[in-house]
Amino acid sequence: MPEYIDPNQLKQLEQIEAMKRQILSRMLSKEAYERLARVKIVNPELAAQVELYLLQIYQSGRLDKTISDSQLKGILGLLSQKKDFKIMKK
């Protein structure tokens, strides 16, 4: 991470974050948005994956209604599944 952050870059990043929050607040029900905020505190990597997934759905135009809390739980479950790999020796 660079020691010096350009103020213009910082301002641009803040604008992007604000737009992302605005889109997510429109996509998600109040309960789902609050759940995502709590997940972000506990597991920021998972929350970032979910946000990226939701923003991709939004950009593709596949969203026809707001996402409920139970639907968000399902998305969280899918994205948080650990993949186990077995290495077999012969």
Protein backbone atom coordinates (compact mmCIF):
# COMPACT_ATOMS: atom_id res chain seq x y z
CA MET A 1 0.00 0.00 0.00
CA PRO A 2 1.48 3.37 -0.93
CA GLU A 3 2.31 5.80 1.83
CA TYR A 4 0.88 8.75 -0.08
CA ILE A 5 -2.63 8.60 -1.47
CA ASP A 6 -3.55 11.13 -4.10
CA PRO A 7 -6.52 13.21 -2.87
CA ASN A 8 -8.14 12.89 -6.30
CA GLN A 9 -7.93 9.10 -6.12
CA LEU A 10 -9.33 9.12 -2.60
CA LYS A 11 -12.24 11.30 -3.69
CA GLN A 12 -12.92 9.01 -6.66
CA LEU A 13 -12.87 5.92 -4.41
CA GLU A 14 -15.30 7.59 -2.01
CA GLN A 15 -17.64 8.40 -4.91
CA ILE A 16 -17.52 4.80 -6.12
CA GLU A 17 -18.30 3.51 -2.62
CA ALA A 18 -21.23 5.94 -2.32
CA MET A 19 -22.65 4.78 -5.67
CA LYS A 20 -22.21 1.15 -4.64
CA ARG A 21 -24.04 1.75 -1.34
CA GLN A 22 -26.84 3.56 -3.16
CA ILE A 23 -27.33 0.73 -5.68
CA LEU A 24 -27.22 -1.95 -2.98
CA SER A 25 -29.73 -0.08 -0.82
CA ARG A 26 -32.15 -0.04 -3.77
CA MET A 27 -31.54 -3.71 -4.60
CA LEU A 28 -31.91 -5.11 -1.09
CA SER A 29 -34.75 -5.00 1.38
CA LYS A 30 -34.02 -3.12 4.59
CA GLU A 31 -33.40 -6.35 6.50
CA ALA A 32 -31.10 -7.74 3.78
CA TYR A 33 -29.11 -4.50 3.63
CA GLU A 34 -28.66 -4.56 7.42
CA ARG A 35 -27.58 -8.23 7.27
CA LEU A 36 -24.98 -7.42 4.61
CA ALA A 37 -23.66 -4.60 6.80
CA ARG A 38 -23.28 -7.02 9.73
CA VAL A 39 -21.55 -9.59 7.52
CA LYS A 40 -19.16 -6.87 6.36
CA ILE A 41 -18.09 -6.32 9.97
CA VAL A 42 -17.53 -10.01 10.69
CA ASN A 43 -16.29 -11.24 7.30
CA PRO A 44 -15.29 -8.40 4.95
CA GLU A 45 -14.05 -10.77 2.23
CA LEU A 46 -17.38 -12.59 2.02
CA ALA A 47 -19.28 -9.30 2.03
CA ALA A 48 -17.10 -8.03 -0.84
CA GLN A 49 -17.86 -11.19 -2.83
CA VAL A 50 -21.59 -10.80 -2.22
CA GLU A 51 -21.50 -7.11 -3.17
CA LEU A 52 -19.65 -7.92 -6.38
CA TYR A 53 -22.15 -10.66 -7.21
CA LEU A 54 -25.12 -8.37 -6.56
CA LEU A 55 -23.63 -5.54 -8.60
CA GLN A 56 -23.05 -7.94 -11.50
CA ILE A 57 -26.70 -8.99 -11.35
CA TYR A 58 -27.70 -5.33 -11.32
CA GLN A 59 -25.50 -4.48 -14.31
CA SER A 60 -26.77 -7.40 -16.33
CA GLY A 61 -30.37 -6.31 -15.79
CA ARG A 62 -31.43 -9.67 -14.35
CA LEU A 63 -32.92 -8.12 -11.22
CA ASP A 64 -36.69 -7.76 -11.35
CA LYS A 65 -37.47 -7.11 -7.67
CA THR A 66 -35.75 -6.31 -4.40
CA ILE A 67 -33.76 -9.08 -2.79
CA SER A 68 -35.24 -10.24 0.49
CA ASP A 69 -33.34 -11.22 3.61
CA SER A 70 -33.98 -14.93 2.98
CA GLN A 71 -32.68 -14.63 -0.59
CA LEU A 72 -29.56 -12.87 0.71
CA LYS A 73 -29.08 -15.70 3.21
CA GLY A 74 -29.11 -18.12 0.29
CA ILE A 75 -26.54 -16.08 -1.62
CA LEU A 76 -24.36 -15.88 1.48
CA GLY A 77 -24.65 -19.64 1.90
CA LEU A 78 -23.65 -20.32 -1.68
CA LEU A 79 -20.68 -17.97 -1.65
CA SER A 80 -19.42 -19.04 1.76
CA GLN A 81 -19.25 -22.77 1.02
CA LYS A 82 -15.75 -24.05 1.47
CA LYS A 83 -14.35 -26.17 -1.28
CA ASP A 84 -12.48 -29.22 -0.02
CA PHE A 85 -9.81 -30.80 -2.12
CA LYS A 86 -8.50 -34.29 -1.57
CA ILE A 87 -5.04 -35.22 -2.70
CA MET A 88 -4.68 -38.93 -3.19
CA LYS A 89 -1.29 -40.55 -3.33
CA LYS A 90 -0.76 -43.62 -5.43
